Amino acid sequence: MSKVIMLSMNGSTGKTLISTHLFLPRMNNPTFFAVETINLSASDLGVKRVETLAGRDFGELIELMVLEDHAIVDVGASNIEAFFSEMSRFDGAIEEFDKYVVPATPEAKSWKEAIKTISALAGLGIPAEKIVFLPNRIENDPREELPEAFEYLEETKEATIVDGAFVYESEVFDYLSFHSISFNELIGDNIDYRQLAKETKNKDKAREYAKKYRWTRQAIPVRNSLDATYNAIMGVDSDAD
């Protein structure tokens, strides 16, 4: 059983992209819940089955969680205050989720709001081992790009810092979002686009195949990095059968 909830008081941190491309394809057929009313939802990224709720519908979410073994809950920034308020009214509500994932990008507003989110979660009584700080849009080294956030969390110990768990900045995510497809849909067909580009006599088709070759080659290391990040967060042994 695995239930993950994504939260941040700041928008534009990549919660929905991370939910869609990091957690959804690696969990065991989870139900995707979007607690959102105005912003981007996973359905906009090609996720076929999304249950949509508002922050004030926490009671309904609790009912639905009882029926799910595996779930992803993506809480939009516009709904998080209502969500926290409602959550505090239910005894034992914090036990409904295995991981509270709080993403942050290197922008100061993003990581500062992530810290506020983490402090609010800690104030609700959620233990640090359940709260995961997840650096996003990282160019090279998350500790170098978000030093103040790491320093704060290492001092307060309000959340877990998982070594090796972060999401790289990559234009592949924009490509997938534009086409509303997953990494598996882009990579998993095993078509040799390089060979097709060389063999076709149609110049437009050759260029199309060459572009597809470029994006599949670019997506593979990003997908592999997401595998490692998921395994680190969820405590999965990558060498296990």
Protein backbone atom coordinates (compact mmCIF):
# COMPACT_ATOMS: atom_id res chain seq x y z
CA MET A 1 0.00 0.00 0.00
CA SER A 2 1.37 3.43 -0.91
CA LYS A 3 -0.28 6.85 -0.75
CA VAL A 4 1.64 9.99 -1.69
CA ILE A 5 0.49 13.58 -1.34
CA MET A 6 2.17 16.54 -3.09
CA LEU A 7 1.92 19.96 -1.47
CA SER A 8 3.36 23.46 -1.56
CA MET A 9 2.03 26.88 -0.64
CA ASN A 10 3.68 28.20 -3.78
CA GLY A 11 2.48 27.51 -7.31
CA SER A 12 4.80 26.71 -10.22
CA THR A 13 6.96 24.29 -8.23
CA GLY A 14 6.23 21.36 -10.54
CA LYS A 15 3.92 19.41 -8.23
CA THR A 16 1.71 18.15 -11.05
CA LEU A 17 4.61 17.32 -13.37
CA ILE A 18 6.34 15.41 -10.56
CA SER A 19 3.13 13.60 -9.66
CA THR A 20 2.58 12.67 -13.31
CA HIS A 21 6.09 11.75 -14.42
CA LEU A 22 7.81 10.63 -11.20
CA PHE A 23 5.20 8.87 -9.08
CA LEU A 24 2.34 7.80 -11.36
CA PRO A 25 4.27 5.43 -13.69
CA ARG A 26 6.18 3.76 -10.85
CA MET A 27 3.36 3.09 -8.40
CA ASN A 28 0.99 0.14 -8.60
CA ASN A 29 -1.91 1.55 -10.64
CA PRO A 30 -2.65 4.44 -8.27
CA THR A 31 -5.76 6.60 -8.40
CA PHE A 32 -4.84 10.22 -9.10
CA PHE A 33 -6.65 12.88 -7.06
CA ALA A 34 -6.27 16.53 -8.06
CA VAL A 35 -7.21 18.94 -5.27
CA GLU A 36 -7.39 21.87 -7.63
CA THR A 37 -9.89 24.40 -8.93
CA ILE A 38 -8.04 26.84 -11.19
CA ASN A 39 -4.57 25.63 -12.23
CA LEU A 40 -2.92 22.93 -14.33
CA SER A 41 -4.18 19.43 -13.59
CA ALA A 42 -2.74 16.05 -14.49
CA SER A 43 -5.54 15.61 -17.03
CA ASP A 44 -3.92 18.46 -19.00
CA LEU A 45 -0.73 16.37 -19.14
CA GLY A 46 -2.41 13.30 -20.58
CA VAL A 47 -3.33 11.40 -17.40
CA LYS A 48 -6.47 9.50 -18.35
CA ARG A 49 -8.15 9.10 -14.96
CA VAL A 50 -8.13 12.04 -12.56
CA GLU A 51 -10.53 12.55 -9.67
CA THR A 52 -10.95 16.28 -8.98
CA LEU A 53 -11.79 17.74 -5.58
CA ALA A 54 -11.54 21.12 -3.83
CA GLY A 55 -9.57 21.76 -0.66
CA ARG A 56 -12.76 22.00 1.37
CA ASP A 57 -13.69 18.45 0.28
CA PHE A 58 -11.18 16.81 2.64
CA GLY A 59 -13.88 14.71 4.27
CA GLU A 60 -14.79 13.24 0.91
CA LEU A 61 -11.11 12.59 0.21
CA ILE A 62 -10.81 10.69 3.52
CA GLU A 63 -13.71 8.47 2.43
CA LEU A 64 -12.08 7.81 -0.94
CA MET A 65 -8.69 7.04 0.66
CA VAL A 66 -10.30 4.20 2.63
CA LEU A 67 -11.13 2.52 -0.68
CA GLU A 68 -7.68 2.96 -2.24
CA ASP A 69 -4.53 0.92 -1.74
CA HIS A 70 -2.42 3.20 -3.92
CA ALA A 71 -3.08 6.89 -4.51
CA ILE A 72 -1.48 10.18 -5.51
CA VAL A 73 -3.01 13.39 -4.18
CA ASP A 74 -1.85 16.59 -5.89
CA VAL A 75 -2.88 19.64 -3.85
CA GLY A 76 -2.89 22.91 -5.79
CA ALA A 77 -1.52 26.04 -4.08
CA SER A 78 -4.89 27.74 -4.48
CA ASN A 79 -6.51 25.05 -2.32
CA ILE A 80 -3.85 24.35 0.27
CA GLU A 81 -5.09 26.67 3.03
CA ALA A 82 -8.59 25.18 2.89
CA PHE A 83 -7.03 21.72 2.71
CA PHE A 84 -4.94 22.29 5.87
CA SER A 85 -7.90 23.79 7.69
CA GLU A 86 -10.12 20.83 6.90
CA MET A 87 -7.35 18.33 7.60
CA SER A 88 -6.95 19.64 11.14
CA ARG A 89 -10.60 18.81 11.86
CA PHE A 90 -10.17 15.05 11.37
CA ASP A 91 -8.61 12.84 14.03
CA GLY A 92 -5.85 10.65 12.61
CA ALA A 93 -6.02 12.28 9.17
CA ILE A 94 -2.24 12.53 8.99
CA GLU A 95 -2.03 8.73 8.97
CA GLU A 96 -3.81 8.50 5.61
CA PHE A 97 -0.63 9.26 3.66
CA ASP A 98 2.74 7.52 3.59
CA LYS A 99 4.72 10.40 2.10
CA TYR A 100 4.11 14.15 2.13
CA VAL A 101 6.27 15.42 -0.75
CA VAL A 102 7.10 19.14 -0.84
CA PRO A 103 8.93 20.19 -4.02
CA ALA A 104 10.91 23.40 -4.39
CA THR A 105 12.86 25.06 -7.17
CA PRO A 106 16.00 27.20 -6.65
CA GLU A 107 13.98 30.44 -6.81
CA ALA A 108 13.89 32.06 -3.35
CA LYS A 109 10.10 32.37 -3.24
CA SER A 110 9.72 28.69 -4.07
CA TRP A 111 12.00 27.24 -1.40
CA LYS A 112 10.82 29.73 1.23
CA GLU A 113 7.20 28.72 0.61
CA ALA A 114 8.28 25.07 0.69
CA ILE A 115 9.74 25.63 4.15
CA LYS A 116 6.49 27.28 5.26
CA THR A 117 4.60 24.25 3.94
CA ILE A 118 6.91 21.86 5.77
CA SER A 119 6.55 23.84 9.01
CA ALA A 120 2.75 23.75 8.64
CA LEU A 121 2.86 19.98 8.14
CA ALA A 122 5.10 19.57 11.17
CA GLY A 123 2.66 21.74 13.14
CA LEU A 124 -0.10 19.28 12.29
CA GLY A 125 1.94 16.56 13.96
CA ILE A 126 3.27 14.87 10.83
CA PRO A 127 6.62 13.23 11.63
CA ALA A 128 9.72 14.28 9.71
CA GLU A 129 10.23 10.82 8.25
CA LYS A 130 6.96 11.21 6.34
CA ILE A 131 7.75 14.69 4.98
CA VAL A 132 10.09 14.66 1.97
CA PHE A 133 11.78 17.80 0.67
CA LEU A 134 12.21 17.35 -3.10
CA PRO A 135 14.44 19.78 -5.03
CA ASN A 136 13.12 20.36 -8.56
CA ARG A 137 14.50 21.96 -11.75
CA ILE A 138 18.06 21.28 -10.65
CA GLU A 139 20.88 21.99 -13.09
CA ASN A 140 23.72 20.19 -11.31
CA ASP A 141 23.74 19.90 -7.50
CA PRO A 142 20.67 20.59 -5.32
CA ARG A 143 22.77 21.45 -2.26
CA GLU A 144 24.60 24.14 -4.20
CA GLU A 145 21.41 25.51 -5.75
CA LEU A 146 19.23 25.53 -2.60
CA PRO A 147 21.81 25.95 0.21
CA GLU A 148 19.56 27.96 2.57
CA ALA A 149 16.76 25.40 2.35
CA PHE A 150 19.11 22.51 3.14
CA GLU A 151 20.67 24.45 6.01
CA TYR A 152 17.26 25.21 7.53
CA LEU A 153 15.99 21.64 7.25
CA GLU A 154 19.19 20.12 8.61
CA GLU A 155 18.91 22.46 11.60
CA THR A 156 15.19 22.01 12.33
CA LYS A 157 14.86 18.39 11.16
CA GLU A 158 11.23 19.08 10.25
CA ALA A 159 11.51 17.04 7.05
CA THR A 160 13.56 14.28 5.50
CA ILE A 161 16.30 15.12 3.03
CA VAL A 162 16.74 12.06 0.84
CA ASP A 163 20.23 11.83 -0.63
CA GLY A 164 20.12 11.56 -4.40
CA ALA A 165 16.44 12.47 -4.63
CA PHE A 166 15.87 15.46 -6.90
CA VAL A 167 14.50 16.27 -10.34
CA TYR A 168 16.73 17.72 -13.04
CA GLU A 169 15.79 20.72 -15.15
CA SER A 170 15.05 19.41 -18.66
CA GLU A 171 13.20 20.62 -21.72
CA VAL A 172 11.96 17.03 -22.11
CA PHE A 173 9.23 17.83 -19.60
CA ASP A 174 8.01 20.67 -21.84
CA TYR A 175 7.97 18.31 -24.82
CA LEU A 176 5.96 15.69 -22.93
CA SER A 177 3.53 18.32 -21.63
CA PHE A 178 3.01 19.82 -25.08
CA HIS A 179 2.19 16.41 -26.54
CA SER A 180 0.37 15.14 -23.42
CA ILE A 181 2.42 11.95 -23.38
CA SER A 182 4.45 10.02 -20.81
CA PHE A 183 8.10 8.97 -20.81
CA ASN A 184 6.98 5.42 -21.54
CA GLU A 185 4.97 6.55 -24.56
CA LEU A 186 7.96 8.46 -25.90
CA ILE A 187 10.65 5.87 -25.15
CA GLY A 188 8.91 2.54 -24.85
CA ASP A 189 8.04 1.74 -28.46
CA ASN A 190 11.65 0.69 -29.28
CA ILE A 191 11.40 2.23 -32.75
CA ASP A 192 14.75 3.04 -34.35
CA TYR A 193 14.01 6.62 -35.39
CA ARG A 194 17.62 7.17 -36.41
CA GLN A 195 17.42 4.38 -38.96
CA LEU A 196 14.03 5.54 -40.20
CA ALA A 197 15.38 9.07 -40.69
CA LYS A 198 18.23 7.70 -42.82
CA GLU A 199 16.04 5.37 -44.89
CA THR A 200 13.06 7.54 -45.80
CA LYS A 201 13.14 9.50 -49.06
CA ASN A 202 10.65 12.07 -47.79
CA LYS A 203 12.60 15.03 -46.37
CA ASP A 204 9.80 16.18 -44.08
CA LYS A 205 9.35 12.68 -42.73
CA ALA A 206 13.11 12.31 -42.27
CA ARG A 207 13.18 15.52 -40.23
CA GLU A 208 10.24 14.30 -38.16
CA TYR A 209 12.03 11.02 -37.40
CA ALA A 210 15.25 12.87 -36.57
CA LYS A 211 13.38 15.05 -34.07
CA LYS A 212 11.81 12.00 -32.49
CA TYR A 213 15.25 10.39 -32.24
CA ARG A 214 16.58 13.50 -30.51
CA TRP A 215 13.79 13.53 -27.92
CA THR A 216 13.97 9.81 -27.14
CA ARG A 217 17.74 10.02 -26.62
CA GLN A 218 17.30 13.09 -24.40
CA ALA A 219 14.47 11.49 -22.40
CA ILE A 220 16.26 8.25 -21.47
CA PRO A 221 18.77 9.70 -18.94
CA VAL A 222 16.03 11.87 -17.41
CA ARG A 223 13.79 8.83 -17.04
CA ASN A 224 16.66 6.89 -15.45
CA SER A 225 17.27 9.73 -13.00
CA LEU A 226 13.58 9.70 -12.05
CA ASP A 227 13.86 5.94 -11.42
CA ALA A 228 16.69 6.59 -8.96
CA THR A 229 14.81 9.43 -7.25
CA TYR A 230 11.66 7.35 -6.83
CA ASN A 231 13.61 4.42 -5.40
CA ALA A 232 15.37 6.72 -2.93
CA ILE A 233 12.15 8.37 -1.72
CA MET A 234 10.12 5.19 -1.44
CA GLY A 235 12.95 3.05 -0.06
CA VAL A 236 12.93 0.70 -3.04
CA ASP A 237 15.97 -1.49 -3.60
CA SER A 238 16.90 -0.86 -7.25
CA ASP A 239 18.67 -4.24 -7.33
CA ALA A 240 15.62 -6.13 -6.13
CA ASP A 241 13.75 -8.40 -8.54
